PDB file of N, CA and C in Angstrom:
ATOM      1  N   UNK A   1      -6.450  -1.251  12.709  1.00  0.00           N
ATOM      2  CA  UNK A   1      -6.409  -2.333  11.708  1.00  0.00           C
ATOM      3  C   UNK A   1      -7.802  -2.671  11.170  1.00  0.00           C
ATOM      4  N   UNK A   2      -7.822  -3.189   9.959  1.00  0.00           N
ATOM      5  CA  UNK A   2      -9.066  -3.641   9.335  1.00  0.00           C
ATOM      6  C   UNK A   2      -9.588  -4.838  10.125  1.00  0.00           C
ATOM      7  N   UNK A   3     -10.841  -4.798  10.529  1.00  0.00           N
ATOM      8  CA  UNK A   3     -11.393  -5.878  11.350  1.00  0.00           C
ATOM      9  C   UNK A   3     -11.536  -7.187  10.580  1.00  0.00           C
ATOM     10  N   UNK A   4     -11.604  -7.134   9.250  1.00  0.00           N
ATOM     11  CA  UNK A   4     -11.749  -8.357   8.453  1.00  0.00           C
ATOM     12  C   UNK A   4     -10.464  -9.174   8.388  1.00  0.00           C
ATOM     13  N   UNK A   5      -9.323  -8.514   8.233  1.00  0.00           N
ATOM     14  CA  UNK A   5      -8.061  -9.235   8.023  1.00  0.00           C
ATOM     15  C   UNK A   5      -6.998  -8.951   9.084  1.00  0.00           C
ATOM     16  N   UNK A   6      -7.221  -7.975   9.948  1.00  0.00           N
ATOM     17  CA  UNK A   6      -6.267  -7.674  11.005  1.00  0.00           C
ATOM     18  C   UNK A   6      -5.028  -6.932  10.544  1.00  0.00           C
ATOM     19  N   UNK A   7      -5.063  -6.335   9.353  1.00  0.00           N
ATOM     20  CA  UNK A   7      -3.912  -5.583   8.842  1.00  0.00           C
ATOM     21  C   UNK A   7      -4.303  -4.118   8.663  1.00  0.00           C
ATOM     22  N   UNK A   8      -3.333  -3.244   8.811  1.00  0.00           N
ATOM     23  CA  UNK A   8      -3.584  -1.813   8.605  1.00  0.00           C
ATOM     24  C   UNK A   8      -3.722  -1.511   7.119  1.00  0.00           C
ATOM     25  N   UNK A   9      -4.521  -0.501   6.824  1.00  0.00           N
ATOM     26  CA  UNK A   9      -4.729  -0.056   5.449  1.00  0.00           C
ATOM     27  C   UNK A   9      -4.018   1.279   5.274  1.00  0.00           C
ATOM     28  N   UNK A  10      -3.279   1.428   4.168  1.00  0.00           N
ATOM     29  CA  UNK A  10      -2.644   2.700   3.831  1.00  0.00           C
ATOM     30  C   UNK A  10      -3.173   3.167   2.480  1.00  0.00           C
ATOM     31  N   UNK A  11      -3.296   4.474   2.361  1.00  0.00           N
ATOM     32  CA  UNK A  11      -3.778   5.096   1.125  1.00  0.00           C
ATOM     33  C   UNK A  11      -2.897   6.296   0.815  1.00  0.00           C
ATOM     34  N   UNK A  12      -2.752   6.633  -0.460  1.00  0.00           N
ATOM     35  CA  UNK A  12      -1.988   7.839  -0.786  1.00  0.00           C
ATOM     36  C   UNK A  12      -2.744   9.093  -0.345  1.00  0.00           C
ATOM     37  N   UNK A  13      -1.999  10.133   0.020  1.00  0.00           N
ATOM     38  CA  UNK A  13      -2.607  11.423   0.328  1.00  0.00           C
ATOM     39  C   UNK A  13      -2.995  12.106  -0.976  1.00  0.00           C
ATOM     40  N   UNK A  14      -4.155  12.767  -0.979  1.00  0.00           N
ATOM     41  CA  UNK A  14      -4.643  13.462  -2.167  1.00  0.00           C
ATOM     42  C   UNK A  14      -4.800  14.940  -1.867  1.00  0.00           C
ATOM     43  N   UNK A  15      -4.556  15.773  -2.881  1.00  0.00           N
ATOM     44  CA  UNK A  15      -4.788  17.204  -2.716  1.00  0.00           C
ATOM     45  C   UNK A  15      -6.266  17.502  -2.978  1.00  0.00           C
ATOM     46  N   UNK A  16      -6.645  18.784  -2.975  1.00  0.00           N
ATOM     47  CA  UNK A  16      -8.055  19.145  -3.147  1.00  0.00           C
ATOM     48  C   UNK A  16      -8.587  18.876  -4.555  1.00  0.00           C
ATOM     49  N   UNK A  17      -7.712  18.555  -5.509  1.00  0.00           N
ATOM     50  CA  UNK A  17      -8.140  18.185  -6.867  1.00  0.00           C
ATOM     51  C   UNK A  17      -8.156  16.674  -7.069  1.00  0.00           C
ATOM     52  N   UNK A  18      -7.839  15.924  -6.018  1.00  0.00           N
ATOM     53  CA  UNK A  18      -7.830  14.471  -6.123  1.00  0.00           C
ATOM     54  C   UNK A  18      -6.540  13.898  -6.677  1.00  0.00           C
ATOM     55  N   UNK A  19      -5.506  14.731  -6.803  1.00  0.00           N
ATOM     56  CA  UNK A  19      -4.207  14.279  -7.297  1.00  0.00           C
ATOM     57  C   UNK A  19      -3.355  13.803  -6.123  1.00  0.00           C
ATOM     58  N   UNK A  20      -2.545  12.781  -6.363  1.00  0.00           N
ATOM     59  CA  UNK A  20      -1.679  12.279  -5.299  1.00  0.00           C
ATOM     60  C   UNK A  20      -0.626  13.313  -4.916  1.00  0.00           C
ATOM     61  N   UNK A  21      -0.427  13.462  -3.619  1.00  0.00           N
ATOM     62  CA  UNK A  21       0.616  14.341  -3.103  1.00  0.00           C
ATOM     63  C   UNK A  21       1.892  13.512  -3.014  1.00  0.00           C
ATOM     64  N   UNK A  22       2.960  14.002  -3.632  1.00  0.00           N
ATOM     65  CA  UNK A  22       4.206  13.239  -3.654  1.00  0.00           C
ATOM     66  C   UNK A  22       5.346  14.068  -3.084  1.00  0.00           C
ATOM     67  N   UNK A  23       6.232  13.380  -2.406  1.00  0.00           N
ATOM     68  CA  UNK A  23       7.425  13.991  -1.847  1.00  0.00           C
ATOM     69  C   UNK A  23       8.622  13.110  -2.157  1.00  0.00           C
ATOM     70  N   UNK A  24       9.771  13.721  -2.206  1.00  0.00           N
ATOM     71  CA  UNK A  24      11.020  12.967  -2.286  1.00  0.00           C
ATOM     72  C   UNK A  24      11.540  12.858  -0.861  1.00  0.00           C
ATOM     73  N   UNK A  25      11.856  11.628  -0.448  1.00  0.00           N
ATOM     74  CA  UNK A  25      12.374  11.425   0.901  1.00  0.00           C
ATOM     75  C   UNK A  25      13.803  10.907   0.818  1.00  0.00           C
ATOM     76  N   UNK A  26      14.566  11.183   1.842  1.00  0.00           N
ATOM     77  CA  UNK A  26      15.942  10.697   1.899  1.00  0.00           C
ATOM     78  C   UNK A  26      15.942   9.224   2.295  1.00  0.00           C
ATOM     79  N   UNK A  27      16.796   8.453   1.655  1.00  0.00           N
ATOM     80  CA  UNK A  27      16.871   7.018   1.915  1.00  0.00           C
ATOM     81  C   UNK A  27      17.201   6.739   3.381  1.00  0.00           C
ATOM     82  N   UNK A  28      17.987   7.598   4.008  1.00  0.00           N
ATOM     83  CA  UNK A  28      18.364   7.338   5.397  1.00  0.00           C
ATOM     84  C   UNK A  28      17.229   7.589   6.389  1.00  0.00           C
ATOM     85  N   UNK A  29      16.066   8.051   5.919  1.00  0.00           N
ATOM     86  CA  UNK A  29      14.913   8.229   6.800  1.00  0.00           C
ATOM     87  C   UNK A  29      13.964   7.034   6.773  1.00  0.00           C
ATOM     88  N   UNK A  30      14.254   6.039   5.940  1.00  0.00           N
ATOM     89  CA  UNK A  30      13.386   4.866   5.831  1.00  0.00           C
ATOM     90  C   UNK A  30      13.731   3.892   6.950  1.00  0.00           C
ATOM     91  N   UNK A  31      12.743   3.526   7.746  1.00  0.00           N
ATOM     92  CA  UNK A  31      12.964   2.589   8.852  1.00  0.00           C
ATOM     93  C   UNK A  31      13.119   1.172   8.329  1.00  0.00           C
ATOM     94  N   UNK A  32      12.181   0.726   7.477  1.00  0.00           N
ATOM     95  CA  UNK A  32      12.274  -0.596   6.853  1.00  0.00           C
ATOM     96  C   UNK A  32      11.244  -0.668   5.741  1.00  0.00           C
ATOM     97  N   UNK A  33      11.460  -1.603   4.837  1.00  0.00           N
ATOM     98  CA  UNK A  33      10.521  -1.814   3.748  1.00  0.00           C
ATOM     99  C   UNK A  33       9.247  -2.465   4.257  1.00  0.00           C
ATOM    100  N   UNK A  34       8.194  -2.352   3.491  1.00  0.00           N
ATOM    101  CA  UNK A  34       6.922  -2.968   3.865  1.00  0.00           C
ATOM    102  C   UNK A  34       6.370  -3.744   2.676  1.00  0.00           C
ATOM    103  N   UNK A  35       5.799  -4.893   2.954  1.00  0.00           N
ATOM    104  CA  UNK A  35       5.141  -5.694   1.922  1.00  0.00           C
ATOM    105  C   UNK A  35       3.694  -5.237   1.844  1.00  0.00           C
ATOM    106  N   UNK A  36       3.314  -4.647   0.708  1.00  0.00           N
ATOM    107  CA  UNK A  36       1.953  -4.146   0.523  1.00  0.00           C
ATOM    108  C   UNK A  36       1.129  -5.148  -0.271  1.00  0.00           C
ATOM    109  N   UNK A  37      -0.126  -5.309   0.121  1.00  0.00           N
ATOM    110  CA  UNK A  37      -1.062  -6.165  -0.600  1.00  0.00           C
ATOM    111  C   UNK A  37      -2.139  -5.260  -1.182  1.00  0.00           C
ATOM    112  N   UNK A  38      -2.305  -5.321  -2.485  1.00  0.00           N
ATOM    113  CA  UNK A  38      -3.312  -4.504  -3.154  1.00  0.00           C
ATOM    114  C   UNK A  38      -4.703  -4.848  -2.632  1.00  0.00           C
ATOM    115  N   UNK A  39      -5.538  -3.829  -2.437  1.00  0.00           N
ATOM    116  CA  UNK A  39      -6.942  -4.068  -2.107  1.00  0.00           C
ATOM    117  C   UNK A  39      -7.695  -3.989  -3.430  1.00  0.00           C
ATOM    118  N   UNK A  40      -8.134  -5.140  -3.897  1.00  0.00           N
ATOM    119  CA  UNK A  40      -8.651  -5.268  -5.257  1.00  0.00           C
ATOM    120  C   UNK A  40     -10.046  -4.705  -5.459  1.00  0.00           C
ATOM    121  N   UNK A  41     -10.912  -4.769  -4.491  1.00  0.00           N
ATOM    122  CA  UNK A  41     -12.286  -4.335  -4.689  1.00  0.00           C
ATOM    123  C   UNK A  41     -13.103  -5.437  -5.344  1.00  0.00           C
ATOM    124  N   UNK A  42     -14.091  -5.052  -6.142  1.00  0.00           N
ATOM    125  CA  UNK A  42     -15.022  -6.032  -6.710  1.00  0.00           C
ATOM    126  C   UNK A  42     -14.816  -6.287  -8.196  1.00  0.00           C
ATOM    127  N   UNK A  43     -13.911  -5.573  -8.829  1.00  0.00           N
ATOM    128  CA  UNK A  43     -13.708  -5.740 -10.274  1.00  0.00           C
ATOM    129  C   UNK A  43     -12.489  -6.597 -10.567  1.00  0.00           C
ATOM    130  N   UNK A  44     -12.497  -7.228 -11.739  1.00  0.00           N
ATOM    131  CA  UNK A  44     -11.356  -8.015 -12.191  1.00  0.00           C
ATOM    132  C   UNK A  44     -10.256  -7.094 -12.701  1.00  0.00           C
ATOM    133  N   UNK A  45      -9.021  -7.562 -12.634  1.00  0.00           N
ATOM    134  CA  UNK A  45      -7.905  -6.822 -13.215  1.00  0.00           C
ATOM    135  C   UNK A  45      -7.918  -6.997 -14.728  1.00  0.00           C
ATOM    136  N   UNK A  46      -7.448  -5.989 -15.475  1.00  0.00           N
ATOM    137  CA  UNK A  46      -7.344  -6.149 -16.926  1.00  0.00           C
ATOM    138  C   UNK A  46      -6.419  -7.314 -17.273  1.00  0.00           C
ATOM    139  N   UNK A  47      -6.664  -7.938 -18.388  1.00  0.00           N
ATOM    140  CA  UNK A  47      -5.906  -9.120 -18.805  1.00  0.00           C
ATOM    141  C   UNK A  47      -4.397  -8.852 -18.861  1.00  0.00           C
ATOM    142  N   UNK A  48      -3.998  -7.689 -19.316  1.00  0.00           N
ATOM    143  CA  UNK A  48      -2.570  -7.393 -19.495  1.00  0.00           C
ATOM    144  C   UNK A  48      -2.021  -6.507 -18.372  1.00  0.00           C
ATOM    145  N   UNK A  49      -2.594  -6.624 -17.191  1.00  0.00           N
ATOM    146  CA  UNK A  49      -2.139  -5.846 -16.043  1.00  0.00           C
ATOM    147  C   UNK A  49      -0.722  -6.269 -15.652  1.00  0.00           C
ATOM    148  N   UNK A  50       0.127  -5.287 -15.346  1.00  0.00           N
ATOM    149  CA  UNK A  50       1.504  -5.558 -14.919  1.00  0.00           C
ATOM    150  C   UNK A  50       1.628  -5.229 -13.431  1.00  0.00           C
ATOM    151  N   UNK A  51       2.255  -6.118 -12.680  1.00  0.00           N
ATOM    152  CA  UNK A  51       2.416  -5.890 -11.245  1.00  0.00           C
ATOM    153  C   UNK A  51       3.156  -4.586 -10.963  1.00  0.00           C
ATOM    154  N   UNK A  52       4.010  -4.174 -11.878  1.00  0.00           N
ATOM    155  CA  UNK A  52       4.788  -2.952 -11.674  1.00  0.00           C
ATOM    156  C   UNK A  52       3.913  -1.694 -11.705  1.00  0.00           C
ATOM    157  N   UNK A  53       2.668  -1.818 -12.148  1.00  0.00           N
ATOM    158  CA  UNK A  53       1.734  -0.688 -12.160  1.00  0.00           C
ATOM    159  C   UNK A  53       0.885  -0.612 -10.892  1.00  0.00           C
ATOM    160  N   UNK A  54       1.080  -1.530  -9.964  1.00  0.00           N
ATOM    161  CA  UNK A  54       0.205  -1.641  -8.791  1.00  0.00           C
ATOM    162  C   UNK A  54       0.108  -0.351  -7.983  1.00  0.00           C
ATOM    163  N   UNK A  55       1.230   0.299  -7.711  1.00  0.00           N
ATOM    164  CA  UNK A  55       1.191   1.509  -6.884  1.00  0.00           C
ATOM    165  C   UNK A  55       0.401   2.631  -7.544  1.00  0.00           C
ATOM    166  N   UNK A  56       0.371   2.654  -8.872  1.00  0.00           N
ATOM    167  CA  UNK A  56      -0.376   3.686  -9.586  1.00  0.00           C
ATOM    168  C   UNK A  56      -1.841   3.316  -9.798  1.00  0.00           C
ATOM    169  N   UNK A  57      -2.158   2.042  -9.834  1.00  0.00           N
ATOM    170  CA  UNK A  57      -3.505   1.590 -10.195  1.00  0.00           C
ATOM    171  C   UNK A  57      -4.441   1.354  -9.018  1.00  0.00           C
ATOM    172  N   UNK A  58      -3.904   1.044  -7.838  1.00  0.00           N
ATOM    173  CA  UNK A  58      -4.756   0.745  -6.692  1.00  0.00           C
ATOM    174  C   UNK A  58      -4.850   1.955  -5.775  1.00  0.00           C
ATOM    175  N   UNK A  59      -5.994   2.088  -5.115  1.00  0.00           N
ATOM    176  CA  UNK A  59      -6.247   3.241  -4.257  1.00  0.00           C
ATOM    177  C   UNK A  59      -5.897   2.991  -2.797  1.00  0.00           C
ATOM    178  N   UNK A  60      -5.729   1.718  -2.420  1.00  0.00           N
ATOM    179  CA  UNK A  60      -5.414   1.396  -1.026  1.00  0.00           C
ATOM    180  C   UNK A  60      -4.687   0.055  -0.971  1.00  0.00           C
ATOM    181  N   UNK A  61      -3.948  -0.138   0.123  1.00  0.00           N
ATOM    182  CA  UNK A  61      -3.141  -1.345   0.299  1.00  0.00           C
ATOM    183  C   UNK A  61      -3.192  -1.783   1.756  1.00  0.00           C
ATOM    184  N   UNK A  62      -3.094  -3.096   1.970  1.00  0.00           N
ATOM    185  CA  UNK A  62      -2.874  -3.625   3.310  1.00  0.00           C
ATOM    186  C   UNK A  62      -1.373  -3.662   3.551  1.00  0.00           C
ATOM    187  N   UNK A  63      -0.939  -3.373   4.779  1.00  0.00           N
ATOM    188  CA  UNK A  63       0.444  -3.617   5.171  1.00  0.00           C
ATOM    189  C   UNK A  63       0.483  -5.043   5.696  1.00  0.00           C
ATOM    190  N   UNK A  64       1.211  -5.905   5.014  1.00  0.00           N
ATOM    191  CA  UNK A  64       1.241  -7.322   5.363  1.00  0.00           C
ATOM    192  C   UNK A  64       2.133  -7.540   6.580  1.00  0.00           C
ATOM    193  N   UNK A  65       1.514  -7.579   7.748  1.00  0.00           N
ATOM    194  CA  UNK A  65       2.286  -7.777   8.981  1.00  0.00           C
ATOM    195  C   UNK A  65       2.715  -9.222   9.167  1.00  0.00           C
ATOM    196  N   UNK A  66       2.230 -10.121   8.319  1.00  0.00           N
ATOM    197  CA  UNK A  66       2.590 -11.530   8.430  1.00  0.00           C
ATOM    198  C   UNK A  66       3.814 -11.882   7.577  1.00  0.00           C
ATOM    199  N   UNK A  67       4.339 -10.921   6.815  1.00  0.00           N
ATOM    200  CA  UNK A  67       5.468 -11.188   5.918  1.00  0.00           C
ATOM    201  C   UNK A  67       6.750 -11.491   6.692  1.00  0.00           C
ATOM    202  N   UNK A  68       7.003 -10.761   7.773  1.00  0.00           N
ATOM    203  CA  UNK A  68       8.162 -11.044   8.626  1.00  0.00           C
ATOM    204  C   UNK A  68       7.911 -10.498  10.028  1.00  0.00           C
ATOM    205  N   UNK A  69       8.701 -10.924  10.972  1.00  0.00           N
ATOM    206  CA  UNK A  69       8.441 -10.550  12.365  1.00  0.00           C
ATOM    207  C   UNK A  69       8.708  -9.076  12.654  1.00  0.00           C
ATOM    208  N   UNK A  70       9.548  -8.409  11.876  1.00  0.00           N
ATOM    209  CA  UNK A  70       9.810  -6.989  12.103  1.00  0.00           C
ATOM    210  C   UNK A  70       8.576  -6.152  11.784  1.00  0.00           C
ATOM    211  N   UNK A  71       7.906  -6.463  10.689  1.00  0.00           N
ATOM    212  CA  UNK A  71       6.692  -5.732  10.321  1.00  0.00           C
ATOM    213  C   UNK A  71       5.602  -6.013  11.345  1.00  0.00           C
ATOM    214  N   UNK A  72       5.530  -7.242  11.829  1.00  0.00           N
ATOM    215  CA  UNK A  72       4.525  -7.604  12.830  1.00  0.00           C
ATOM    216  C   UNK A  72       4.666  -6.729  14.075  1.00  0.00           C
ATOM    217  N   UNK A  73       5.896  -6.406  14.457  1.00  0.00           N
ATOM    218  CA  UNK A  73       6.123  -5.565  15.632  1.00  0.00           C
ATOM    219  C   UNK A  73       5.678  -4.129  15.392  1.00  0.00           C
ATOM    220  N   UNK A  74       5.853  -3.625  14.167  1.00  0.00           N
ATOM    221  CA  UNK A  74       5.514  -2.233  13.852  1.00  0.00           C
ATOM    222  C   UNK A  74       4.019  -2.076  13.602  1.00  0.00           C
ATOM    223  N   UNK A  75       3.432  -2.983  12.807  1.00  0.00           N
ATOM    224  CA  UNK A  75       2.020  -2.863  12.423  1.00  0.00           C
ATOM    225  C   UNK A  75       1.154  -3.435  13.510  1.00  0.00           C
TER     226      UNK A  75
END
């Protein structure tokens, strides 16, 4: 876990060209959903930023283990 906030950080896997590696997974392999918190860095978000673009725009996320007790047990 990150020593500053106590939450784990997840990042997308990248290939040797810096492109995100993507896979299709079966829904029955998902254990549970996770609440991700964007790691913003030092710059401001653009004025017309849409939350729906978060997964494509941010390079790393915290797994919010404080969102519910099930995530707290896993993270």
